Amino acid sequence: MFMGVVKNRRSKRLSRLIMFFFIILSIVIYFNSSISKITQIEIVGLELLTEEEVYNLAEIKSGMQYLFLSTSRMSEKLLKEKKVKTVEVEKKFPGKLSIHIIENQIIAYLYHSNKEWRPILENGYILDNGNNMSYINRPLITNWPKQENVSLLAAELTRVQPMILENISEIQYNREALEEDRLLLYSKDGYTIHVYLNELANKLNLLPGIINQLKEKKYSTGEIYLLDSIRFEEYKNNEGKENES
């Protein structure tokens, strides 16, 4: 009886050792096989960034261990880049890493120096790569003395309706006005618009309705004042009329 119990215990112990051995062997085989590693990296949504920049920012490369790769940590690293607005990182077994990036878009171009135009992103960040004119329907910012106000300008422009923004060709500080934050905007259809910086989006979004009223009244192009009150003044060669609209 006693010998049978001892033999049974030895058999169970041996079975456990064999099972443990096969588990260790399976782990070793897995970590040395291709399915345990990142073999494919898919990156979508890039316009401003390159794939190489994403690899460097996220500190990733093919051949990394699949199990130990932290998608949340990778997202945190990518979100530190000013060009990145949102990011989604997903692991897909076996061996695939998918990165979907939404970038901060170019909202305008700031005149820098030597005829160089620097893109302004919607978060107010100014890119160093001058003359990257990939977005042709974006306003040109000229005579802009206060760079610290660029972020406010960008925030306002992101709230302007796209069709209206595409019709604005140039934005500049009104140096002749007494108010420091008063702007001059030039539209592609011939209007000059006066507006305060901190009211830019709210007032510009009224512009299509105002222009429609002017056209109904048969007025030609001129200056639209979107200030404390809204008024319109035709250019001098159009008889110089001044009217409330």
Protein backbone atom coordinates (compact mmCIF):
# COMPACT_ATOMS: atom_id res chain seq x y z
CA MET A 1 0.00 0.00 0.00
CA PHE A 2 2.73 2.45 1.00
CA MET A 3 4.84 1.58 -2.07
CA GLY A 4 1.85 2.25 -4.32
CA VAL A 5 1.34 5.71 -2.84
CA VAL A 6 5.04 6.54 -3.27
CA LYS A 7 4.99 5.31 -6.87
CA ASN A 8 1.88 7.36 -7.62
CA ARG A 9 3.49 10.52 -6.19
CA ARG A 10 6.62 9.92 -8.29
CA SER A 11 4.47 9.46 -11.37
CA LYS A 12 2.63 12.74 -10.75
CA ARG A 13 5.91 14.54 -10.09
CA LEU A 14 7.37 13.17 -13.30
CA SER A 15 4.26 14.21 -15.23
CA ARG A 16 4.56 17.73 -13.82
CA LEU A 17 8.24 17.89 -14.75
CA ILE A 18 7.48 16.72 -18.29
CA MET A 19 4.67 19.27 -18.59
CA PHE A 20 6.90 22.05 -17.24
CA PHE A 21 9.61 21.04 -19.70
CA PHE A 22 7.20 21.24 -22.64
CA ILE A 23 5.89 24.62 -21.46
CA ILE A 24 9.44 25.99 -21.26
CA LEU A 25 10.24 24.45 -24.65
CA SER A 26 7.10 25.99 -26.18
CA ILE A 27 8.01 29.42 -24.78
CA VAL A 28 11.55 29.15 -26.16
CA ILE A 29 10.25 28.05 -29.56
CA TYR A 30 7.66 30.86 -29.60
CA PHE A 31 10.13 33.62 -28.77
CA ASN A 32 12.51 32.33 -31.40
CA SER A 33 9.84 32.09 -34.08
CA SER A 34 8.68 34.81 -36.47
CA ILE A 35 5.15 34.93 -35.00
CA SER A 36 6.51 36.36 -31.72
CA LYS A 37 7.98 39.38 -33.51
CA ILE A 38 6.64 42.42 -35.32
CA THR A 39 7.03 41.55 -38.97
CA GLN A 40 4.70 44.14 -40.52
CA ILE A 41 4.21 47.82 -39.59
CA GLU A 42 1.35 49.70 -41.24
CA ILE A 43 1.24 53.51 -40.87
CA VAL A 44 -1.62 55.55 -42.35
CA GLY A 45 -2.56 59.24 -42.29
CA LEU A 46 0.84 60.81 -42.99
CA GLU A 47 1.22 64.05 -44.94
CA LEU A 48 3.55 66.18 -42.84
CA LEU A 49 5.44 63.35 -41.14
CA THR A 50 7.45 60.60 -42.83
CA GLU A 51 7.39 56.93 -41.88
CA GLU A 52 11.00 57.20 -40.75
CA GLU A 53 10.07 60.02 -38.37
CA VAL A 54 7.26 57.90 -36.92
CA TYR A 55 9.67 54.98 -36.38
CA ASN A 56 12.07 57.28 -34.54
CA LEU A 57 9.39 59.03 -32.47
CA ALA A 58 7.72 55.78 -31.41
CA GLU A 59 11.04 53.92 -31.10
CA ILE A 60 9.81 50.95 -33.12
CA LYS A 61 11.27 48.68 -35.77
CA SER A 62 10.58 45.33 -37.37
CA GLY A 63 11.68 42.39 -35.28
CA MET A 64 10.54 43.78 -31.92
CA GLN A 65 8.81 41.36 -29.55
CA TYR A 66 5.05 41.42 -30.12
CA LEU A 67 3.95 40.61 -26.54
CA PHE A 68 6.07 43.22 -24.77
CA LEU A 69 5.20 46.11 -27.08
CA SER A 70 3.08 48.71 -25.24
CA THR A 71 0.63 50.48 -27.56
CA SER A 72 -0.27 53.09 -24.93
CA ARG A 73 3.36 54.04 -24.37
CA MET A 74 3.88 54.27 -28.11
CA SER A 75 0.85 56.58 -28.42
CA GLU A 76 2.21 58.84 -25.67
CA LYS A 77 5.50 59.21 -27.51
CA LEU A 78 3.82 60.08 -30.80
CA LEU A 79 1.46 62.62 -29.21
CA LYS A 80 4.46 64.64 -28.03
CA GLU A 81 5.08 65.55 -31.66
CA LYS A 82 3.37 68.89 -32.51
CA LYS A 83 2.30 67.64 -35.93
CA VAL A 84 0.27 64.79 -34.41
CA LYS A 85 -3.33 65.51 -33.39
CA THR A 86 -4.57 62.02 -32.53
CA VAL A 87 -3.09 58.54 -32.83
CA GLU A 88 -4.41 55.00 -32.57
CA VAL A 89 -1.99 52.10 -32.22
CA GLU A 90 -3.20 48.52 -32.51
CA LYS A 91 -1.49 45.13 -32.41
CA LYS A 92 -2.92 42.50 -34.75
CA PHE A 93 -1.82 38.92 -34.23
CA PRO A 94 0.35 37.54 -35.65
CA GLY A 95 3.11 40.11 -35.95
CA LYS A 96 1.27 43.15 -37.34
CA LEU A 97 1.37 46.66 -35.88
CA SER A 98 -1.11 49.23 -37.17
CA ILE A 99 -0.64 52.97 -36.51
CA HIS A 100 -3.35 55.41 -37.57
CA ILE A 101 -2.34 59.07 -37.23
CA ILE A 102 -4.43 62.21 -37.67
CA GLU A 103 -2.16 65.20 -38.10
CA ASN A 104 -2.74 68.83 -37.22
CA GLN A 105 -3.56 70.36 -40.58
CA ILE A 106 -2.01 73.45 -42.14
CA ILE A 107 -4.39 76.36 -41.49
CA ALA A 108 -2.38 79.28 -42.96
CA TYR A 109 1.08 80.39 -44.11
CA LEU A 110 3.14 82.97 -42.24
CA TYR A 111 5.60 85.20 -44.12
CA HIS A 112 8.95 84.71 -42.41
CA SER A 113 11.85 86.23 -44.32
CA ASN A 114 13.56 86.09 -47.70
CA LYS A 115 10.23 85.34 -49.38
CA GLU A 116 9.83 82.23 -47.24
CA TRP A 117 6.37 81.08 -46.18
CA ARG A 118 6.12 78.91 -43.07
CA PRO A 119 3.07 76.68 -42.55
CA ILE A 120 1.00 77.29 -39.41
CA LEU A 121 -0.74 74.22 -38.02
CA GLU A 122 -4.20 74.36 -36.50
CA ASN A 123 -2.65 74.10 -33.01
CA GLY A 124 -0.61 77.26 -33.69
CA TYR A 125 2.71 75.48 -34.25
CA ILE A 126 4.86 77.02 -36.98
CA LEU A 127 6.76 74.53 -39.13
CA ASP A 128 10.40 75.19 -39.98
CA ASN A 129 10.22 73.88 -43.52
CA GLY A 130 9.53 77.10 -45.40
CA ASN A 131 7.76 77.20 -48.78
CA ASN A 132 5.85 73.98 -48.12
CA MET A 133 2.83 75.30 -50.02
CA SER A 134 0.92 72.01 -50.15
CA TYR A 135 -2.38 73.65 -49.14
CA ILE A 136 -3.05 76.27 -51.79
CA ASN A 137 -6.45 77.30 -50.36
CA ARG A 138 -5.03 78.70 -47.14
CA PRO A 139 -4.61 82.39 -46.20
CA LEU A 140 -1.22 84.10 -46.33
CA ILE A 141 -0.34 85.92 -43.10
CA THR A 142 1.66 89.11 -43.70
CA ASN A 143 2.74 92.09 -41.57
CA TRP A 144 2.31 90.01 -38.44
CA PRO A 145 4.43 91.62 -35.68
CA LYS A 146 3.35 89.52 -32.70
CA GLN A 147 4.27 85.87 -33.06
CA GLU A 148 2.72 85.06 -29.67
CA ASN A 149 -0.70 85.77 -31.24
CA VAL A 150 -0.24 83.13 -33.92
CA SER A 151 -1.80 80.45 -31.68
CA LEU A 152 -4.89 82.59 -31.14
CA LEU A 153 -5.13 83.27 -34.87
CA ALA A 154 -4.85 79.55 -35.65
CA ALA A 155 -7.52 78.68 -33.06
CA GLU A 156 -9.88 81.24 -34.62
CA LEU A 157 -9.21 80.06 -38.19
CA THR A 158 -10.01 76.44 -37.31
CA ARG A 159 -13.52 77.58 -36.36
CA VAL A 160 -14.12 79.36 -39.66
CA GLN A 161 -16.29 77.47 -42.14
CA PRO A 162 -14.01 75.82 -44.76
CA MET A 163 -15.69 77.50 -47.77
CA ILE A 164 -15.21 80.92 -46.16
CA LEU A 165 -11.60 80.23 -45.23
CA GLU A 166 -10.79 79.16 -48.79
CA ASN A 167 -12.00 82.55 -50.02
CA ILE A 168 -9.56 84.48 -47.79
CA SER A 169 -6.31 85.21 -49.61
CA GLU A 170 -4.42 87.34 -47.06
CA ILE A 171 -4.57 88.33 -43.39
CA GLN A 172 -2.53 91.11 -41.79
CA TYR A 173 -2.51 93.43 -38.80
CA ASN A 174 -4.14 96.77 -39.46
CA ARG A 175 -1.24 99.06 -38.59
CA GLU A 176 -3.33 102.20 -39.11
CA ALA A 177 -6.00 101.22 -36.57
CA LEU A 178 -5.77 102.34 -32.95
CA GLU A 179 -6.78 98.89 -31.65
CA GLU A 180 -3.84 96.48 -31.45
CA ASP A 181 -5.83 93.36 -32.35
CA ARG A 182 -7.62 94.73 -35.40
CA LEU A 183 -7.03 92.79 -38.61
CA LEU A 184 -7.34 93.38 -42.33
CA LEU A 185 -8.46 90.45 -44.46
CA TYR A 186 -8.54 90.32 -48.25
CA SER A 187 -10.96 87.98 -50.00
CA LYS A 188 -10.50 86.42 -53.40
CA ASP A 189 -13.77 87.97 -54.60
CA GLY A 190 -12.54 91.51 -53.98
CA TYR A 191 -13.62 92.51 -50.48
CA THR A 192 -11.51 93.99 -47.69
CA ILE A 193 -12.70 92.86 -44.27
CA HIS A 194 -12.02 94.64 -40.95
CA VAL A 195 -12.36 92.43 -37.88
CA TYR A 196 -10.94 91.97 -34.37
CA LEU A 197 -8.65 88.99 -33.81
CA ASN A 198 -10.62 87.53 -30.91
CA GLU A 199 -13.88 87.77 -32.91
CA LEU A 200 -12.48 86.47 -36.17
CA ALA A 201 -14.35 83.15 -36.40
CA ASN A 202 -17.73 84.39 -35.16
CA LYS A 203 -17.72 87.41 -37.47
CA LEU A 204 -16.30 85.70 -40.56
CA ASN A 205 -18.96 82.99 -40.40
CA LEU A 206 -21.52 85.78 -40.97
CA LEU A 207 -19.78 86.85 -44.18
CA PRO A 208 -21.75 84.81 -46.80
CA GLY A 209 -25.06 86.24 -45.60
CA ILE A 210 -23.69 89.79 -45.60
CA ILE A 211 -22.27 89.46 -49.13
CA ASN A 212 -25.57 88.01 -50.39
CA GLN A 213 -27.39 91.08 -49.00
CA LEU A 214 -24.92 93.39 -50.72
CA LYS A 215 -25.38 91.62 -54.04
CA GLU A 216 -29.16 91.80 -53.71
CA LYS A 217 -28.83 95.57 -53.25
CA LYS A 218 -26.60 95.72 -56.35
CA TYR A 219 -23.54 96.99 -54.47
CA SER A 220 -20.14 96.39 -55.93
CA THR A 221 -17.09 95.24 -53.93
CA GLY A 222 -15.68 97.30 -51.09
CA GLU A 223 -14.78 97.25 -47.39
CA ILE A 224 -16.81 95.24 -44.88
CA TYR A 225 -16.44 96.33 -41.26
CA LEU A 226 -17.21 93.47 -38.85
CA LEU A 227 -16.40 95.46 -35.73
CA ASP A 228 -18.63 96.75 -32.92
CA SER A 229 -21.20 97.35 -35.64
CA ILE A 230 -21.41 95.92 -39.14
CA ARG A 231 -21.18 98.31 -42.05
CA PHE A 232 -20.13 98.36 -45.69
CA GLU A 233 -18.28 100.97 -47.71
CA GLU A 234 -17.82 100.68 -51.45
CA TYR A 235 -14.41 101.41 -52.89
CA LYS A 236 -13.95 105.04 -53.93
CA ASN A 237 -14.02 104.24 -57.61
CA ASN A 238 -17.49 102.81 -56.95
CA GLU A 239 -18.87 106.21 -55.82
CA GLY A 240 -17.65 105.78 -52.22
CA LYS A 241 -21.01 104.91 -50.68
CA GLU A 242 -21.17 104.01 -47.02
CA ASN A 243 -24.07 101.87 -45.88
CA GLU A 244 -25.38 99.88 -42.92
CA SER A 245 -26.04 96.23 -43.78
